[in-house]
PDB file of N, CA and C in Angstrom:
ATOM      1  N   MET A   1      19.006  -8.327  21.999  1.00  0.00           N
ATOM      2  CA  MET A   1      18.921  -9.759  22.156  1.00  0.00           C
ATOM      3  C   MET A   1      20.233 -10.318  22.702  1.00  0.00           C
ATOM      4  N   GLN A   2      21.333  -9.744  22.244  1.00  0.00           N
ATOM      5  CA  GLN A   2      22.632 -10.216  22.714  1.00  0.00           C
ATOM      6  C   GLN A   2      22.812  -9.915  24.204  1.00  0.00           C
ATOM      7  N   SER A   3      22.356  -8.733  24.634  1.00  0.00           N
ATOM      8  CA  SER A   3      22.472  -8.370  26.058  1.00  0.00           C
ATOM      9  C   SER A   3      21.722  -9.353  26.937  1.00  0.00           C
ATOM     10  N   ILE A   4      20.526  -9.728  26.514  1.00  0.00           N
ATOM     11  CA  ILE A   4      19.730 -10.657  27.321  1.00  0.00           C
ATOM     12  C   ILE A   4      20.349 -12.047  27.290  1.00  0.00           C
ATOM     13  N   SER A   5      20.839 -12.465  26.131  1.00  0.00           N
ATOM     14  CA  SER A   5      21.459 -13.783  26.022  1.00  0.00           C
ATOM     15  C   SER A   5      22.662 -13.910  26.942  1.00  0.00           C
ATOM     16  N   ASN A   6      23.390 -12.806  27.166  1.00  0.00           N
ATOM     17  CA  ASN A   6      24.584 -12.819  28.012  1.00  0.00           C
ATOM     18  C   ASN A   6      24.332 -12.302  29.424  1.00  0.00           C
ATOM     19  N   PHE A   7      23.072 -12.108  29.788  1.00  0.00           N
ATOM     20  CA  PHE A   7      22.715 -11.547  31.084  1.00  0.00           C
ATOM     21  C   PHE A   7      23.142 -12.479  32.217  1.00  0.00           C
ATOM     22  N   ASP A   8      23.737 -11.907  33.255  1.00  0.00           N
ATOM     23  CA  ASP A   8      24.160 -12.674  34.429  1.00  0.00           C
ATOM     24  C   ASP A   8      23.022 -12.677  35.444  1.00  0.00           C
ATOM     25  N   TYR A   9      22.340 -13.803  35.576  1.00  0.00           N
ATOM     26  CA  TYR A   9      21.214 -13.924  36.497  1.00  0.00           C
ATOM     27  C   TYR A   9      21.665 -13.997  37.949  1.00  0.00           C
ATOM     28  N   GLY A  10      22.933 -14.263  38.167  1.00  0.00           N
ATOM     29  CA  GLY A  10      23.418 -14.411  39.535  1.00  0.00           C
ATOM     30  C   GLY A  10      22.717 -15.574  40.212  1.00  0.00           C
ATOM     31  N   SER A  11      22.293 -15.374  41.440  1.00  0.00           N
ATOM     32  CA  SER A  11      21.607 -16.436  42.185  1.00  0.00           C
ATOM     33  C   SER A  11      20.092 -16.381  42.016  1.00  0.00           C
ATOM     34  N   LYS A  12      19.597 -15.427  41.225  1.00  0.00           N
ATOM     35  CA  LYS A  12      18.145 -15.292  41.045  1.00  0.00           C
ATOM     36  C   LYS A  12      17.625 -16.395  40.135  1.00  0.00           C
ATOM     37  N   GLN A  13      16.438 -16.874  40.437  1.00  0.00           N
ATOM     38  CA  GLN A  13      15.807 -17.932  39.640  1.00  0.00           C
ATOM     39  C   GLN A  13      14.880 -17.289  38.610  1.00  0.00           C
ATOM     40  N   ILE A  14      15.444 -16.816  37.527  1.00  0.00           N
ATOM     41  CA  ILE A  14      14.682 -16.189  36.457  1.00  0.00           C
ATOM     42  C   ILE A  14      14.553 -17.205  35.330  1.00  0.00           C
ATOM     43  N   ASP A  15      13.310 -17.574  35.005  1.00  0.00           N
ATOM     44  CA  ASP A  15      13.078 -18.567  33.962  1.00  0.00           C
ATOM     45  C   ASP A  15      12.915 -17.946  32.590  1.00  0.00           C
ATOM     46  N   THR A  16      12.264 -16.784  32.521  1.00  0.00           N
ATOM     47  CA  THR A  16      11.928 -16.194  31.230  1.00  0.00           C
ATOM     48  C   THR A  16      11.989 -14.679  31.299  1.00  0.00           C
ATOM     49  N   ILE A  17      12.442 -14.061  30.222  1.00  0.00           N
ATOM     50  CA  ILE A  17      12.423 -12.601  30.087  1.00  0.00           C
ATOM     51  C   ILE A  17      11.590 -12.264  28.857  1.00  0.00           C
ATOM     52  N   TYR A  18      10.599 -11.413  29.032  1.00  0.00           N
ATOM     53  CA  TYR A  18       9.751 -10.947  27.938  1.00  0.00           C
ATOM     54  C   TYR A  18      10.125  -9.511  27.594  1.00  0.00           C
ATOM     55  N   CYS A  19      10.283  -9.218  26.314  1.00  0.00           N
ATOM     56  CA  CYS A  19      10.548  -7.861  25.842  1.00  0.00           C
ATOM     57  C   CYS A  19       9.446  -7.496  24.850  1.00  0.00           C
ATOM     58  N   ASN A  20       8.667  -6.479  25.194  1.00  0.00           N
ATOM     59  CA  ASN A  20       7.566  -6.045  24.340  1.00  0.00           C
ATOM     60  C   ASN A  20       7.912  -4.710  23.699  1.00  0.00           C
ATOM     61  N   ALA A  21       7.749  -4.642  22.376  1.00  0.00           N
ATOM     62  CA  ALA A  21       7.967  -3.402  21.628  1.00  0.00           C
ATOM     63  C   ALA A  21       6.638  -2.993  21.019  1.00  0.00           C
ATOM     64  N   PHE A  22       6.298  -1.714  21.134  1.00  0.00           N
ATOM     65  CA  PHE A  22       5.033  -1.196  20.626  1.00  0.00           C
ATOM     66  C   PHE A  22       5.289  -0.143  19.561  1.00  0.00           C
ATOM     67  N   GLN A  23       4.461  -0.160  18.526  1.00  0.00           N
ATOM     68  CA  GLN A  23       4.520   0.848  17.481  1.00  0.00           C
ATOM     69  C   GLN A  23       3.106   1.398  17.302  1.00  0.00           C
ATOM     70  N   PRO A  24       2.797   2.546  17.945  1.00  0.00           N
ATOM     71  CA  PRO A  24       1.457   3.125  17.799  1.00  0.00           C
ATOM     72  C   PRO A  24       1.313   3.867  16.472  1.00  0.00           C
ATOM     73  N   LEU A  25       0.100   3.860  15.951  1.00  0.00           N
ATOM     74  CA  LEU A  25      -0.227   4.597  14.734  1.00  0.00           C
ATOM     75  C   LEU A  25      -1.572   5.261  14.947  1.00  0.00           C
ATOM     76  N   VAL A  26      -1.580   6.583  15.002  1.00  0.00           N
ATOM     77  CA  VAL A  26      -2.808   7.339  15.175  1.00  0.00           C
ATOM     78  C   VAL A  26      -3.130   8.011  13.847  1.00  0.00           C
ATOM     79  N   THR A  27      -4.329   7.763  13.343  1.00  0.00           N
ATOM     80  CA  THR A  27      -4.787   8.372  12.097  1.00  0.00           C
ATOM     81  C   THR A  27      -6.125   9.043  12.342  1.00  0.00           C
ATOM     82  N   GLY A  28      -6.658   9.682  11.308  1.00  0.00           N
ATOM     83  CA  GLY A  28      -7.978  10.299  11.407  1.00  0.00           C
ATOM     84  C   GLY A  28      -9.079   9.281  11.631  1.00  0.00           C
ATOM     85  N   GLU A  29      -8.812   8.023  11.233  1.00  0.00           N
ATOM     86  CA  GLU A  29      -9.813   6.965  11.392  1.00  0.00           C
ATOM     87  C   GLU A  29      -9.738   6.272  12.749  1.00  0.00           C
ATOM     88  N   GLY A  30      -8.666   6.489  13.487  1.00  0.00           N
ATOM     89  CA  GLY A  30      -8.573   5.837  14.786  1.00  0.00           C
ATOM     90  C   GLY A  30      -7.143   5.534  15.194  1.00  0.00           C
ATOM     91  N   PHE A  31      -7.019   4.526  16.009  1.00  0.00           N
ATOM     92  CA  PHE A  31      -5.741   4.167  16.620  1.00  0.00           C
ATOM     93  C   PHE A  31      -5.440   2.698  16.337  1.00  0.00           C
ATOM     94  N   GLU A  32      -4.218   2.433  15.942  1.00  0.00           N
ATOM     95  CA  GLU A  32      -3.738   1.066  15.793  1.00  0.00           C
ATOM     96  C   GLU A  32      -2.423   0.954  16.545  1.00  0.00           C
ATOM     97  N   CYS A  33      -2.112  -0.242  16.935  1.00  0.00           N
ATOM     98  CA  CYS A  33      -0.843  -0.459  17.628  1.00  0.00           C
ATOM     99  C   CYS A  33      -0.302  -1.820  17.234  1.00  0.00           C
ATOM    100  N   ALA A  34       0.930  -1.842  16.770  1.00  0.00           N
ATOM    101  CA  ALA A  34       1.612  -3.103  16.490  1.00  0.00           C
ATOM    102  C   ALA A  34       2.456  -3.448  17.708  1.00  0.00           C
ATOM    103  N   GLU A  35       2.419  -4.694  18.086  1.00  0.00           N
ATOM    104  CA  GLU A  35       3.185  -5.147  19.245  1.00  0.00           C
ATOM    105  C   GLU A  35       4.020  -6.358  18.839  1.00  0.00           C
ATOM    106  N   THR A  36       5.257  -6.346  19.236  1.00  0.00           N
ATOM    107  CA  THR A  36       6.137  -7.492  19.032  1.00  0.00           C
ATOM    108  C   THR A  36       6.674  -7.918  20.390  1.00  0.00           C
ATOM    109  N   THR A  37       6.614  -9.209  20.641  1.00  0.00           N
ATOM    110  CA  THR A  37       7.138  -9.743  21.889  1.00  0.00           C
ATOM    111  C   THR A  37       8.251 -10.731  21.573  1.00  0.00           C
ATOM    112  N   LEU A  38       9.392 -10.495  22.153  1.00  0.00           N
ATOM    113  CA  LEU A  38      10.494 -11.444  22.082  1.00  0.00           C
ATOM    114  C   LEU A  38      10.678 -11.995  23.491  1.00  0.00           C
ATOM    115  N   TYR A  39      10.879 -13.280  23.592  1.00  0.00           N
ATOM    116  CA  TYR A  39      11.092 -13.829  24.925  1.00  0.00           C
ATOM    117  C   TYR A  39      12.267 -14.796  24.900  1.00  0.00           C
ATOM    118  N   PHE A  40      12.914 -14.868  26.015  1.00  0.00           N
ATOM    119  CA  PHE A  40      14.099 -15.692  26.192  1.00  0.00           C
ATOM    120  C   PHE A  40      13.849 -16.571  27.406  1.00  0.00           C
ATOM    121  N   ALA A  41      13.944 -17.869  27.204  1.00  0.00           N
ATOM    122  CA  ALA A  41      13.652 -18.803  28.289  1.00  0.00           C
ATOM    123  C   ALA A  41      14.842 -19.722  28.526  1.00  0.00           C
ATOM    124  N   LYS A  42      15.078 -20.001  29.796  1.00  0.00           N
ATOM    125  CA  LYS A  42      16.123 -20.966  30.143  1.00  0.00           C
ATOM    126  C   LYS A  42      15.645 -22.390  29.849  1.00  0.00           C
ATOM    127  N   ARG A  43      14.322 -22.581  29.934  1.00  0.00           N
ATOM    128  CA  ARG A  43      13.728 -23.893  29.692  1.00  0.00           C
ATOM    129  C   ARG A  43      12.637 -23.762  28.641  1.00  0.00           C
ATOM    130  N   ASP A  44      12.246 -24.876  28.048  1.00  0.00           N
ATOM    131  CA  ASP A  44      11.138 -24.861  27.091  1.00  0.00           C
ATOM    132  C   ASP A  44       9.843 -24.508  27.799  1.00  0.00           C
ATOM    133  N   GLY A  45       8.958 -23.856  27.052  1.00  0.00           N
ATOM    134  CA  GLY A  45       7.660 -23.489  27.603  1.00  0.00           C
ATOM    135  C   GLY A  45       7.632 -22.047  28.041  1.00  0.00           C
ATOM    136  N   MET A  46       6.445 -21.467  27.968  1.00  0.00           N
ATOM    137  CA  MET A  46       6.275 -20.063  28.345  1.00  0.00           C
ATOM    138  C   MET A  46       5.547 -19.978  29.683  1.00  0.00           C
ATOM    139  N   ILE A  47       5.819 -18.922  30.413  1.00  0.00           N
ATOM    140  CA  ILE A  47       5.144 -18.694  31.693  1.00  0.00           C
ATOM    141  C   ILE A  47       3.734 -18.156  31.446  1.00  0.00           C
ATOM    142  N   LEU A  48       3.611 -17.224  30.513  1.00  0.00           N
ATOM    143  CA  LEU A  48       2.330 -16.605  30.202  1.00  0.00           C
ATOM    144  C   LEU A  48       1.622 -17.376  29.084  1.00  0.00           C
ATOM    145  N   GLU A  49       0.283 -17.401  29.126  1.00  0.00           N
ATOM    146  CA  GLU A  49      -0.471 -18.077  28.078  1.00  0.00           C
ATOM    147  C   GLU A  49      -0.309 -17.367  26.738  1.00  0.00           C
ATOM    148  N   GLU A  50      -0.358 -16.040  26.762  1.00  0.00           N
ATOM    149  CA  GLU A  50      -0.222 -15.233  25.555  1.00  0.00           C
ATOM    150  C   GLU A  50       1.050 -14.415  25.645  1.00  0.00           C
ATOM    151  N   LYS A  51       1.700 -14.218  24.513  1.00  0.00           N
ATOM    152  CA  LYS A  51       2.925 -13.407  24.503  1.00  0.00           C
ATOM    153  C   LYS A  51       2.606 -11.919  24.461  1.00  0.00           C
ATOM    154  N   LEU A  52       1.426 -11.548  23.968  1.00  0.00           N
ATOM    155  CA  LEU A  52       1.088 -10.132  23.789  1.00  0.00           C
ATOM    156  C   LEU A  52       0.452  -9.537  25.028  1.00  0.00           C
ATOM    157  N   LEU A  53       0.779  -8.278  25.300  1.00  0.00           N
ATOM    158  CA  LEU A  53       0.128  -7.560  26.393  1.00  0.00           C
ATOM    159  C   LEU A  53      -1.197  -6.963  25.928  1.00  0.00           C
ATOM    160  N   LEU A  54      -1.241  -6.544  24.661  1.00  0.00           N
ATOM    161  CA  LEU A  54      -2.465  -6.014  24.072  1.00  0.00           C
ATOM    162  C   LEU A  54      -3.118  -7.124  23.257  1.00  0.00           C
ATOM    163  N   ASP A  55      -4.375  -7.412  23.520  1.00  0.00           N
ATOM    164  CA  ASP A  55      -5.057  -8.508  22.827  1.00  0.00           C
ATOM    165  C   ASP A  55      -6.505  -8.106  22.534  1.00  0.00           C
ATOM    166  N   PRO A  56      -6.711  -7.077  21.677  1.00  0.00           N
ATOM    167  CA  PRO A  56      -8.072  -6.616  21.406  1.00  0.00           C
ATOM    168  C   PRO A  56      -8.832  -7.586  20.507  1.00  0.00           C
ATOM    169  N   PRO A  57     -10.179  -7.487  20.481  1.00  0.00           N
ATOM    170  CA  PRO A  57     -10.957  -8.321  19.564  1.00  0.00           C
ATOM    171  C   PRO A  57     -10.533  -8.051  18.116  1.00  0.00           C
ATOM    172  N   GLY A  58     -10.517  -9.080  17.291  1.00  0.00           N
ATOM    173  CA  GLY A  58     -10.133  -8.920  15.892  1.00  0.00           C
ATOM    174  C   GLY A  58      -8.631  -8.821  15.685  1.00  0.00           C
ATOM    175  N   LEU A  59      -7.866  -9.195  16.678  1.00  0.00           N
ATOM    176  CA  LEU A  59      -6.407  -9.110  16.612  1.00  0.00           C
ATOM    177  C   LEU A  59      -5.865  -9.956  15.458  1.00  0.00           C
ATOM    178  N   GLU A  60      -4.988  -9.357  14.665  1.00  0.00           N
ATOM    179  CA  GLU A  60      -4.254 -10.099  13.643  1.00  0.00           C
ATOM    180  C   GLU A  60      -2.888 -10.401  14.211  1.00  0.00           C
ATOM    181  N   SER A  61      -2.483 -11.663  14.149  1.00  0.00           N
ATOM    182  CA  SER A  61      -1.203 -12.009  14.741  1.00  0.00           C
ATOM    183  C   SER A  61      -0.297 -12.683  13.721  1.00  0.00           C
ATOM    184  N   SER A  62       0.991 -12.596  13.972  1.00  0.00           N
ATOM    185  CA  SER A  62       2.002 -13.144  13.075  1.00  0.00           C
ATOM    186  C   SER A  62       3.196 -13.569  13.913  1.00  0.00           C
ATOM    187  N   GLU A  63       3.994 -14.447  13.385  1.00  0.00           N
ATOM    188  CA  GLU A  63       5.214 -14.851  14.075  1.00  0.00           C
ATOM    189  C   GLU A  63       6.381 -13.924  13.752  1.00  0.00           C
ATOM    190  N   ASP A  64       6.176 -12.980  12.803  1.00  0.00           N
ATOM    191  CA  ASP A  64       7.220 -12.011  12.449  1.00  0.00           C
ATOM    192  C   ASP A  64       7.141 -10.791  13.354  1.00  0.00           C
ATOM    193  N   THR A  65       8.231 -10.037  13.440  1.00  0.00           N
ATOM    194  CA  THR A  65       8.219  -8.774  14.174  1.00  0.00           C
ATOM    195  C   THR A  65       7.478  -7.727  13.358  1.00  0.00           C
ATOM    196  N   HIS A  66       6.932  -6.704  14.039  1.00  0.00           N
ATOM    197  CA  HIS A  66       6.184  -5.690  13.293  1.00  0.00           C
ATOM    198  C   HIS A  66       7.105  -4.894  12.373  1.00  0.00           C
ATOM    199  N   TRP A  67       8.379  -4.744  12.723  1.00  0.00           N
ATOM    200  CA  TRP A  67       9.281  -4.003  11.848  1.00  0.00           C
ATOM    201  C   TRP A  67       9.626  -4.817  10.595  1.00  0.00           C
ATOM    202  N   LYS A  68       9.676  -6.137  10.708  1.00  0.00           N
ATOM    203  CA  LYS A  68       9.919  -6.973   9.529  1.00  0.00           C
ATOM    204  C   LYS A  68       8.703  -6.932   8.588  1.00  0.00           C
ATOM    205  N   ILE A  69       7.509  -6.940   9.152  1.00  0.00           N
ATOM    206  CA  ILE A  69       6.283  -6.841   8.343  1.00  0.00           C
ATOM    207  C   ILE A  69       6.230  -5.491   7.645  1.00  0.00           C
ATOM    208  N   ASP A  70       6.560  -4.391   8.359  1.00  0.00           N
ATOM    209  CA  ASP A  70       6.575  -3.058   7.754  1.00  0.00           C
ATOM    210  C   ASP A  70       7.574  -2.996   6.600  1.00  0.00           C
ATOM    211  N   LEU A  71       8.752  -3.556   6.785  1.00  0.00           N
ATOM    212  CA  LEU A  71       9.770  -3.564   5.740  1.00  0.00           C
ATOM    213  C   LEU A  71       9.288  -4.349   4.526  1.00  0.00           C
ATOM    214  N   HIS A  72       8.691  -5.495   4.750  1.00  0.00           N
ATOM    215  CA  HIS A  72       8.151  -6.314   3.663  1.00  0.00           C
ATOM    216  C   HIS A  72       7.075  -5.548   2.894  1.00  0.00           C
ATOM    217  N   ASN A  73       6.161  -4.877   3.616  1.00  0.00           N
ATOM    218  CA  ASN A  73       5.107  -4.090   2.964  1.00  0.00           C
ATOM    219  C   ASN A  73       5.694  -2.929   2.164  1.00  0.00           C
ATOM    220  N   MET A  74       6.708  -2.282   2.710  1.00  0.00           N
ATOM    221  CA  MET A  74       7.349  -1.156   2.016  1.00  0.00           C
ATOM    222  C   MET A  74       8.020  -1.634   0.723  1.00  0.00           C
ATOM    223  N   ILE A  75       8.712  -2.750   0.763  1.00  0.00           N
ATOM    224  CA  ILE A  75       9.349  -3.302  -0.423  1.00  0.00           C
ATOM    225  C   ILE A  75       8.310  -3.673  -1.475  1.00  0.00           C
ATOM    226  N   ASN A  76       7.206  -4.267  -1.035  1.00  0.00           N
ATOM    227  CA  ASN A  76       6.140  -4.628  -1.972  1.00  0.00           C
ATOM    228  C   ASN A  76       5.548  -3.393  -2.658  1.00  0.00           C
ATOM    229  N   LYS A  77       5.345  -2.305  -1.891  1.00  0.00           N
ATOM    230  CA  LYS A  77       4.810  -1.069  -2.471  1.00  0.00           C
ATOM    231  C   LYS A  77       5.769  -0.471  -3.486  1.00  0.00           C
ATOM    232  N   MET A  78       7.065  -0.556  -3.196  1.00  0.00           N
ATOM    233  CA  MET A  78       8.061   0.008  -4.099  1.00  0.00           C
ATOM    234  C   MET A  78       8.134  -0.779  -5.423  1.00  0.00           C
ATOM    235  N   SER A  79       7.844  -2.065  -5.355  1.00  0.00           N
ATOM    236  CA  SER A  79       7.944  -2.887  -6.563  1.00  0.00           C
ATOM    237  C   SER A  79       6.669  -2.841  -7.399  1.00  0.00           C
ATOM    238  N   GLU A  80       5.605  -2.202  -6.913  1.00  0.00           N
ATOM    239  CA  GLU A  80       4.355  -2.103  -7.680  1.00  0.00           C
ATOM    240  C   GLU A  80       4.455  -1.096  -8.791  1.00  0.00           C
TER     241      GLU A  80
END
């Protein structure tokens, strides 16, 4: 995040940078994928309608990163 915040755009007209992180999980029951999108904009508003590249039916979405959700779930399991 710091690298993007300090990025030198030069003379290019770049309004927004999207960074997508994927965490695949393959099990005997199938495939799941967690996606987190961070974006940095020079101006308010997004270029894309959706922040996610993967948008399957039944998608569960959150404003947290998938690694923060995993950490929260792990802490909850440990306290049970």
